[in-house]
């Protein structure tokens, strides 16, 4: 069970720190449209003002969210080993994407083929989704075959390993760049689908597509948060320590 660190958090704490402290807070940030993964380094007050929200009210909601979940079994991934966290990401988030992306691809294609004439925006949805899927499949392979093995080796090493790419910072910077691209694609999908709403003539397949895209966004946001804000900074810090 997680040990809460909420008392040390305030409006100057980053959005990602609030989620690291209590992962369930990601749900509130999702509802408010606040980016806690790629944009997680923003102070809470700044992120709220950007969205036209009252920072003090949002912080109070975050504190209530933490109190409500105080007894929940939530893993504090900032305390796990790097190997354990990398394994968790592969077994949970990568596994989800490998199953869900092909399923959603078929659904998006079907909705576009059936409804694209009356709803031309679906052609854009299909194009954006296909680009996201292709990029993510390549991204997962690079993490599993290159970066995550390097992180595991770094954690096992007594001194800094000699990597073919020099510093581990180099592949991490590539992954973060690709995370930004995925975040932009998700934002486009949300805009094109009007926040995953369905029109009056939507069939059940369309409703399944909207629900699947919404869940994809939520899972990918949490996935990227665990990498950008926990795994990668800790790996970089460890490499510096070994140097």
C-alpha atoms as a PDB file:
ATOM      1  CA  UNK A   1       0.000   0.000   0.000  1.00  0.00           C
ATOM      2  CA  UNK A   2       1.221   3.483  -0.850  1.00  0.00           C
ATOM      3  CA  UNK A   3       2.497   5.825   1.834  1.00  0.00           C
ATOM      4  CA  UNK A   4       1.040   9.237   1.035  1.00  0.00           C
ATOM      5  CA  UNK A   5       3.310  12.267   0.769  1.00  0.00           C
ATOM      6  CA  UNK A   6       0.456  14.745   0.250  1.00  0.00           C
ATOM      7  CA  UNK A   7       1.467  17.073   3.093  1.00  0.00           C
ATOM      8  CA  UNK A   8       4.569  18.038   1.153  1.00  0.00           C
ATOM      9  CA  UNK A   9       2.623  19.008  -1.980  1.00  0.00           C
ATOM     10  CA  UNK A  10       1.268  22.445  -2.849  1.00  0.00           C
ATOM     11  CA  UNK A  11       0.389  24.597  -5.854  1.00  0.00           C
ATOM     12  CA  UNK A  12       4.063  24.863  -6.812  1.00  0.00           C
ATOM     13  CA  UNK A  13       4.404  21.062  -6.969  1.00  0.00           C
ATOM     14  CA  UNK A  14       4.322  19.668 -10.481  1.00  0.00           C
ATOM     15  CA  UNK A  15       1.245  17.932 -11.831  1.00  0.00           C
ATOM     16  CA  UNK A  16       3.249  14.713 -12.140  1.00  0.00           C
ATOM     17  CA  UNK A  17       4.229  14.866  -8.449  1.00  0.00           C
ATOM     18  CA  UNK A  18       0.552  14.927  -7.493  1.00  0.00           C
ATOM     19  CA  UNK A  19      -0.043  11.783  -9.555  1.00  0.00           C
ATOM     20  CA  UNK A  20       3.080  10.023  -8.292  1.00  0.00           C
ATOM     21  CA  UNK A  21       1.861  10.698  -4.746  1.00  0.00           C
ATOM     22  CA  UNK A  22      -1.597   9.253  -5.485  1.00  0.00           C
ATOM     23  CA  UNK A  23      -2.056   7.582  -8.914  1.00  0.00           C
ATOM     24  CA  UNK A  24      -5.859   7.753  -8.753  1.00  0.00           C
ATOM     25  CA  UNK A  25      -5.588  11.533  -9.129  1.00  0.00           C
ATOM     26  CA  UNK A  26      -4.909  10.908 -12.811  1.00  0.00           C
ATOM     27  CA  UNK A  27      -8.686  10.443 -13.179  1.00  0.00           C
ATOM     28  CA  UNK A  28      -9.370  13.972 -11.955  1.00  0.00           C
ATOM     29  CA  UNK A  29      -6.716  15.401 -14.262  1.00  0.00           C
ATOM     30  CA  UNK A  30      -8.297  13.474 -17.146  1.00  0.00           C
ATOM     31  CA  UNK A  31     -11.702  15.000 -16.356  1.00  0.00           C
ATOM     32  CA  UNK A  32     -10.213  18.500 -16.149  1.00  0.00           C
ATOM     33  CA  UNK A  33      -8.191  18.080 -19.327  1.00  0.00           C
ATOM     34  CA  UNK A  34      -4.884  18.687 -17.519  1.00  0.00           C
ATOM     35  CA  UNK A  35      -1.900  16.897 -19.059  1.00  0.00           C
ATOM     36  CA  UNK A  36      -0.069  14.936 -16.359  1.00  0.00           C
ATOM     37  CA  UNK A  37       2.190  12.866 -18.639  1.00  0.00           C
ATOM     38  CA  UNK A  38       4.024  14.821 -21.374  1.00  0.00           C
ATOM     39  CA  UNK A  39       3.143  18.114 -19.692  1.00  0.00           C
ATOM     40  CA  UNK A  40       3.483  16.776 -16.166  1.00  0.00           C
ATOM     41  CA  UNK A  41       6.429  18.982 -15.238  1.00  0.00           C
ATOM     42  CA  UNK A  42       4.188  22.065 -15.078  1.00  0.00           C
ATOM     43  CA  UNK A  43       3.435  23.420 -11.572  1.00  0.00           C
ATOM     44  CA  UNK A  44      -0.155  22.698 -10.587  1.00  0.00           C
ATOM     45  CA  UNK A  45      -1.040  26.403 -10.353  1.00  0.00           C
ATOM     46  CA  UNK A  46       0.250  27.105 -13.868  1.00  0.00           C
ATOM     47  CA  UNK A  47      -1.544  24.084 -15.355  1.00  0.00           C
ATOM     48  CA  UNK A  48      -4.813  25.215 -13.743  1.00  0.00           C
ATOM     49  CA  UNK A  49      -4.523  28.790 -14.985  1.00  0.00           C
ATOM     50  CA  UNK A  50      -3.827  27.531 -18.519  1.00  0.00           C
ATOM     51  CA  UNK A  51      -7.185  25.695 -18.402  1.00  0.00           C
ATOM     52  CA  UNK A  52      -9.037  28.602 -16.794  1.00  0.00           C
ATOM     53  CA  UNK A  53      -9.425  26.725 -13.511  1.00  0.00           C
ATOM     54  CA  UNK A  54      -9.103  28.054  -9.953  1.00  0.00           C
ATOM     55  CA  UNK A  55      -5.884  26.474  -8.591  1.00  0.00           C
ATOM     56  CA  UNK A  56      -7.019  26.399  -4.952  1.00  0.00           C
ATOM     57  CA  UNK A  57     -10.247  24.598  -5.875  1.00  0.00           C
ATOM     58  CA  UNK A  58      -8.403  22.025  -7.954  1.00  0.00           C
ATOM     59  CA  UNK A  59      -5.901  21.419  -5.152  1.00  0.00           C
ATOM     60  CA  UNK A  60      -8.741  20.861  -2.689  1.00  0.00           C
ATOM     61  CA  UNK A  61     -10.280  18.315  -5.064  1.00  0.00           C
ATOM     62  CA  UNK A  62      -6.914  16.575  -5.346  1.00  0.00           C
ATOM     63  CA  UNK A  63      -6.589  16.395  -1.567  1.00  0.00           C
ATOM     64  CA  UNK A  64     -10.090  14.943  -1.297  1.00  0.00           C
ATOM     65  CA  UNK A  65      -9.241  12.396  -4.003  1.00  0.00           C
ATOM     66  CA  UNK A  66      -6.206  11.343  -1.981  1.00  0.00           C
ATOM     67  CA  UNK A  67      -8.195  11.064   1.236  1.00  0.00           C
ATOM     68  CA  UNK A  68     -10.936   9.013  -0.429  1.00  0.00           C
ATOM     69  CA  UNK A  69      -8.374   6.545  -1.761  1.00  0.00           C
ATOM     70  CA  UNK A  70      -6.154   6.440   1.318  1.00  0.00           C
ATOM     71  CA  UNK A  71      -6.966   2.782   1.929  1.00  0.00           C
ATOM     72  CA  UNK A  72      -6.805   1.700  -1.711  1.00  0.00           C
ATOM     73  CA  UNK A  73      -4.103  -0.708  -2.807  1.00  0.00           C
ATOM     74  CA  UNK A  74      -2.126   1.631  -5.053  1.00  0.00           C
ATOM     75  CA  UNK A  75       1.432   0.864  -5.990  1.00  0.00           C
ATOM     76  CA  UNK A  76       3.947   3.661  -5.493  1.00  0.00           C
ATOM     77  CA  UNK A  77       6.105   3.075  -8.565  1.00  0.00           C
ATOM     78  CA  UNK A  78       8.622   5.688  -7.454  1.00  0.00           C
ATOM     79  CA  UNK A  79       9.726   3.147  -4.808  1.00  0.00           C
ATOM     80  CA  UNK A  80       9.918   0.109  -7.099  1.00  0.00           C
ATOM     81  CA  UNK A  81      13.152  -1.010  -8.716  1.00  0.00           C
ATOM     82  CA  UNK A  82      13.731   0.219 -12.260  1.00  0.00           C
ATOM     83  CA  UNK A  83      13.603  -3.366 -13.511  1.00  0.00           C
ATOM     84  CA  UNK A  84      10.283  -3.991 -11.796  1.00  0.00           C
ATOM     85  CA  UNK A  85       8.791  -0.806 -13.206  1.00  0.00           C
ATOM     86  CA  UNK A  86      10.033  -1.561 -16.731  1.00  0.00           C
ATOM     87  CA  UNK A  87       8.595  -5.084 -16.485  1.00  0.00           C
ATOM     88  CA  UNK A  88       5.288  -3.680 -15.238  1.00  0.00           C
ATOM     89  CA  UNK A  89       5.082  -1.253 -18.168  1.00  0.00           C
ATOM     90  CA  UNK A  90       5.722  -4.051 -20.667  1.00  0.00           C
ATOM     91  CA  UNK A  91       3.358  -6.537 -19.044  1.00  0.00           C
ATOM     92  CA  UNK A  92       0.560  -4.017 -18.451  1.00  0.00           C
ATOM     93  CA  UNK A  93       0.649  -1.080 -20.868  1.00  0.00           C
ATOM     94  CA  UNK A  94       2.540  -2.640 -23.768  1.00  0.00           C
ATOM     95  CA  UNK A  95       0.409  -5.776 -23.584  1.00  0.00           C
ATOM     96  CA  UNK A  96      -2.744  -3.639 -23.600  1.00  0.00           C
ATOM     97  CA  UNK A  97      -1.609  -1.721 -26.699  1.00  0.00           C
ATOM     98  CA  UNK A  98      -0.635  -4.863 -28.593  1.00  0.00           C
ATOM     99  CA  UNK A  99      -4.159  -6.204 -28.132  1.00  0.00           C
ATOM    100  CA  UNK A 100      -6.145  -2.980 -28.313  1.00  0.00           C
ATOM    101  CA  UNK A 101      -4.538  -1.224 -31.283  1.00  0.00           C
ATOM    102  CA  UNK A 102      -5.450  -3.939 -33.851  1.00  0.00           C
ATOM    103  CA  UNK A 103      -8.958  -4.193 -32.388  1.00  0.00           C
ATOM    104  CA  UNK A 104      -9.495  -0.442 -32.612  1.00  0.00           C
ATOM    105  CA  UNK A 105      -8.010  -0.325 -36.106  1.00  0.00           C
ATOM    106  CA  UNK A 106     -10.704  -2.727 -37.350  1.00  0.00           C
ATOM    107  CA  UNK A 107     -13.448  -0.749 -35.590  1.00  0.00           C
ATOM    108  CA  UNK A 108     -12.251   2.627 -36.883  1.00  0.00           C
ATOM    109  CA  UNK A 109     -12.076   1.208 -40.416  1.00  0.00           C
ATOM    110  CA  UNK A 110     -15.618  -0.169 -40.172  1.00  0.00           C
ATOM    111  CA  UNK A 111     -17.092   3.081 -38.849  1.00  0.00           C
ATOM    112  CA  UNK A 112     -15.286   5.088 -41.538  1.00  0.00           C
ATOM    113  CA  UNK A 113     -16.434   2.796 -44.332  1.00  0.00           C
ATOM    114  CA  UNK A 114     -20.055   2.836 -43.175  1.00  0.00           C
ATOM    115  CA  UNK A 115     -20.428   6.431 -41.967  1.00  0.00           C
ATOM    116  CA  UNK A 116     -17.618   8.319 -43.713  1.00  0.00           C
ATOM    117  CA  UNK A 117     -19.843   9.758 -46.423  1.00  0.00           C
ATOM    118  CA  UNK A 118     -22.183  11.434 -43.921  1.00  0.00           C
ATOM    119  CA  UNK A 119     -19.404  12.148 -41.422  1.00  0.00           C
ATOM    120  CA  UNK A 120     -16.281  13.101 -43.403  1.00  0.00           C
ATOM    121  CA  UNK A 121     -14.374  13.810 -40.176  1.00  0.00           C
ATOM    122  CA  UNK A 122     -14.109  10.037 -39.778  1.00  0.00           C
ATOM    123  CA  UNK A 123     -11.569   9.944 -42.595  1.00  0.00           C
ATOM    124  CA  UNK A 124      -9.367  12.246 -40.512  1.00  0.00           C
ATOM    125  CA  UNK A 125      -9.973  10.090 -37.425  1.00  0.00           C
ATOM    126  CA  UNK A 126      -8.823   7.034 -39.354  1.00  0.00           C
ATOM    127  CA  UNK A 127      -5.721   8.815 -40.684  1.00  0.00           C
ATOM    128  CA  UNK A 128      -4.682  10.121 -37.251  1.00  0.00           C
ATOM    129  CA  UNK A 129      -5.358   6.797 -35.560  1.00  0.00           C
ATOM    130  CA  UNK A 130      -3.403   4.833 -38.185  1.00  0.00           C
ATOM    131  CA  UNK A 131      -0.423   7.138 -37.777  1.00  0.00           C
ATOM    132  CA  UNK A 132      -0.600   6.776 -33.991  1.00  0.00           C
ATOM    133  CA  UNK A 133      -0.850   2.980 -34.231  1.00  0.00           C
ATOM    134  CA  UNK A 134       2.125   2.705 -36.591  1.00  0.00           C
ATOM    135  CA  UNK A 135       4.232   4.993 -34.407  1.00  0.00           C
ATOM    136  CA  UNK A 136       3.322   3.203 -31.184  1.00  0.00           C
ATOM    137  CA  UNK A 137       4.121  -0.244 -32.571  1.00  0.00           C
ATOM    138  CA  UNK A 138       7.594   0.956 -33.561  1.00  0.00           C
ATOM    139  CA  UNK A 139       7.944   2.763 -30.233  1.00  0.00           C
ATOM    140  CA  UNK A 140       7.123  -0.334 -28.172  1.00  0.00           C
ATOM    141  CA  UNK A 141       9.697  -2.381 -30.064  1.00  0.00           C
ATOM    142  CA  UNK A 142      12.419   0.201 -29.421  1.00  0.00           C
ATOM    143  CA  UNK A 143      11.632   0.281 -25.723  1.00  0.00           C
ATOM    144  CA  UNK A 144      11.518  -3.494 -25.349  1.00  0.00           C
ATOM    145  CA  UNK A 145      14.562  -4.256 -27.508  1.00  0.00           C
ATOM    146  CA  UNK A 146      16.826  -1.278 -26.770  1.00  0.00           C
ATOM    147  CA  UNK A 147      15.972   1.099 -23.925  1.00  0.00           C
ATOM    148  CA  UNK A 148      14.493  -1.190 -21.278  1.00  0.00           C
ATOM    149  CA  UNK A 149      17.344  -3.736 -21.537  1.00  0.00           C
ATOM    150  CA  UNK A 150      19.754  -0.815 -21.073  1.00  0.00           C
ATOM    151  CA  UNK A 151      17.857   0.309 -17.971  1.00  0.00           C
ATOM    152  CA  UNK A 152      17.951  -3.211 -16.513  1.00  0.00           C
ATOM    153  CA  UNK A 153      21.682  -3.465 -17.228  1.00  0.00           C
ATOM    154  CA  UNK A 154      22.255  -0.066 -15.629  1.00  0.00           C
ATOM    155  CA  UNK A 155      20.512  -1.189 -12.453  1.00  0.00           C
ATOM    156  CA  UNK A 156      22.563  -4.402 -12.252  1.00  0.00           C
ATOM    157  CA  UNK A 157      25.897  -2.665 -12.896  1.00  0.00           C
ATOM    158  CA  UNK A 158      28.357  -1.652 -10.219  1.00  0.00           C
ATOM    159  CA  UNK A 159      29.856   0.956 -12.534  1.00  0.00           C
ATOM    160  CA  UNK A 160      28.575   2.807 -15.561  1.00  0.00           C
ATOM    161  CA  UNK A 161      28.102   0.394 -18.502  1.00  0.00           C
ATOM    162  CA  UNK A 162      29.450   1.218 -21.946  1.00  0.00           C
ATOM    163  CA  UNK A 163      26.404   1.643 -24.173  1.00  0.00           C
ATOM    164  CA  UNK A 164      26.570   1.673 -27.956  1.00  0.00           C
ATOM    165  CA  UNK A 165      24.702   5.010 -27.989  1.00  0.00           C
ATOM    166  CA  UNK A 166      26.857   6.618 -25.300  1.00  0.00           C
ATOM    167  CA  UNK A 167      24.573   7.880 -22.544  1.00  0.00           C
ATOM    168  CA  UNK A 168      21.170   6.397 -21.797  1.00  0.00           C
ATOM    169  CA  UNK A 169      19.947   9.971 -22.160  1.00  0.00           C
ATOM    170  CA  UNK A 170      20.077   9.597 -25.944  1.00  0.00           C
ATOM    171  CA  UNK A 171      17.411   6.881 -26.386  1.00  0.00           C
ATOM    172  CA  UNK A 172      15.380   8.448 -23.581  1.00  0.00           C
ATOM    173  CA  UNK A 173      15.250  11.755 -25.461  1.00  0.00           C
ATOM    174  CA  UNK A 174      13.995   9.904 -28.549  1.00  0.00           C
ATOM    175  CA  UNK A 175      11.277   8.152 -26.555  1.00  0.00           C
ATOM    176  CA  UNK A 176      10.159  11.428 -24.954  1.00  0.00           C
ATOM    177  CA  UNK A 177      10.001  13.063 -28.391  1.00  0.00           C
ATOM    178  CA  UNK A 178       7.809  10.219 -29.607  1.00  0.00           C
ATOM    179  CA  UNK A 179       5.657  10.542 -26.484  1.00  0.00           C
ATOM    180  CA  UNK A 180       5.004  14.159 -27.440  1.00  0.00           C
ATOM    181  CA  UNK A 181       3.899  13.005 -30.878  1.00  0.00           C
ATOM    182  CA  UNK A 182       1.539  10.440 -29.354  1.00  0.00           C
ATOM    183  CA  UNK A 183       0.104  13.097 -27.045  1.00  0.00           C
ATOM    184  CA  UNK A 184      -0.560  15.378 -30.003  1.00  0.00           C
ATOM    185  CA  UNK A 185      -2.292  12.548 -31.875  1.00  0.00           C
ATOM    186  CA  UNK A 186      -4.510  11.815 -28.868  1.00  0.00           C
ATOM    187  CA  UNK A 187      -5.442  15.493 -28.642  1.00  0.00           C
ATOM    188  CA  UNK A 188      -6.375  15.464 -32.334  1.00  0.00           C
ATOM    189  CA  UNK A 189      -8.544  12.373 -31.877  1.00  0.00           C
ATOM    190  CA  UNK A 190     -10.346  13.976 -28.962  1.00  0.00           C
ATOM    191  CA  UNK A 191     -10.978  17.122 -30.987  1.00  0.00           C
ATOM    192  CA  UNK A 192     -12.109  15.280 -34.122  1.00  0.00           C
ATOM    193  CA  UNK A 193     -14.540  13.116 -32.136  1.00  0.00           C
ATOM    194  CA  UNK A 194     -15.815  16.062 -30.069  1.00  0.00           C
ATOM    195  CA  UNK A 195     -14.572  14.563 -26.825  1.00  0.00           C
ATOM    196  CA  UNK A 196     -15.490  11.034 -27.945  1.00  0.00           C
ATOM    197  CA  UNK A 197     -19.166  11.862 -28.321  1.00  0.00           C
ATOM    198  CA  UNK A 198     -21.410   9.998 -30.778  1.00  0.00           C
ATOM    199  CA  UNK A 199     -23.879  11.514 -33.265  1.00  0.00           C
ATOM    200  CA  UNK A 200     -27.589  10.721 -33.329  1.00  0.00           C
ATOM    201  CA  UNK A 201     -27.162   8.220 -36.168  1.00  0.00           C
ATOM    202  CA  UNK A 202     -24.282   6.378 -34.497  1.00  0.00           C
ATOM    203  CA  UNK A 203     -24.419   2.595 -34.488  1.00  0.00           C
ATOM    204  CA  UNK A 204     -23.172   0.409 -31.652  1.00  0.00           C
ATOM    205  CA  UNK A 205     -19.853  -0.030 -33.457  1.00  0.00           C
ATOM    206  CA  UNK A 206     -19.390   3.748 -33.370  1.00  0.00           C
ATOM    207  CA  UNK A 207     -20.180   3.764 -29.658  1.00  0.00           C
ATOM    208  CA  UNK A 208     -17.622   0.992 -29.138  1.00  0.00           C
ATOM    209  CA  UNK A 209     -15.068   3.033 -31.087  1.00  0.00           C
ATOM    210  CA  UNK A 210     -15.649   6.140 -28.978  1.00  0.00           C
ATOM    211  CA  UNK A 211     -15.358   4.158 -25.759  1.00  0.00           C
ATOM    212  CA  UNK A 212     -12.217   2.383 -26.989  1.00  0.00           C
ATOM    213  CA  UNK A 213     -10.524   5.624 -28.025  1.00  0.00           C
ATOM    214  CA  UNK A 214     -11.338   7.166 -24.647  1.00  0.00           C
ATOM    215  CA  UNK A 215      -9.838   4.201 -22.812  1.00  0.00           C
ATOM    216  CA  UNK A 216      -6.798   4.262 -25.102  1.00  0.00           C
ATOM    217  CA  UNK A 217      -6.194   7.910 -24.194  1.00  0.00           C
ATOM    218  CA  UNK A 218      -6.495   7.233 -20.461  1.00  0.00           C
ATOM    219  CA  UNK A 219      -4.163   4.237 -20.520  1.00  0.00           C
ATOM    220  CA  UNK A 220      -1.586   5.934 -22.740  1.00  0.00           C
ATOM    221  CA  UNK A 221      -1.544   9.024 -20.548  1.00  0.00           C
ATOM    222  CA  UNK A 222      -0.824   6.854 -17.492  1.00  0.00           C
ATOM    223  CA  UNK A 223       1.720   4.810 -19.460  1.00  0.00           C
ATOM    224  CA  UNK A 224       3.642   7.909 -20.571  1.00  0.00           C
ATOM    225  CA  UNK A 225       3.457   9.377 -17.068  1.00  0.00           C
ATOM    226  CA  UNK A 226       5.163   6.321 -15.581  1.00  0.00           C
ATOM    227  CA  UNK A 227       7.966   6.593 -18.127  1.00  0.00           C
ATOM    228  CA  UNK A 228       8.485  10.357 -18.462  1.00  0.00           C
ATOM    229  CA  UNK A 229       8.033  11.231 -14.798  1.00  0.00           C
ATOM    230  CA  UNK A 230       9.284   8.151 -12.927  1.00  0.00           C
ATOM    231  CA  UNK A 231      11.285   5.603 -14.938  1.00  0.00           C
ATOM    232  CA  UNK A 232      13.327   7.908 -17.158  1.00  0.00           C
ATOM    233  CA  UNK A 233      14.359  10.508 -14.523  1.00  0.00           C
ATOM    234  CA  UNK A 234      15.413   7.732 -12.130  1.00  0.00           C
ATOM    235  CA  UNK A 235      17.428   5.969 -14.835  1.00  0.00           C
ATOM    236  CA  UNK A 236      19.202   9.209 -15.728  1.00  0.00           C
ATOM    237  CA  UNK A 237      19.953   9.899 -12.079  1.00  0.00           C
ATOM    238  CA  UNK A 238      21.344   6.383 -11.612  1.00  0.00           C
ATOM    239  CA  UNK A 239      23.618   6.732 -14.623  1.00  0.00           C
ATOM    240  CA  UNK A 240      24.963  10.018 -13.253  1.00  0.00           C
ATOM    241  CA  UNK A 241      25.581   8.350  -9.878  1.00  0.00           C
ATOM    242  CA  UNK A 242      27.516   5.503 -11.503  1.00  0.00           C
ATOM    243  CA  UNK A 243      29.570   7.987 -13.496  1.00  0.00           C
END
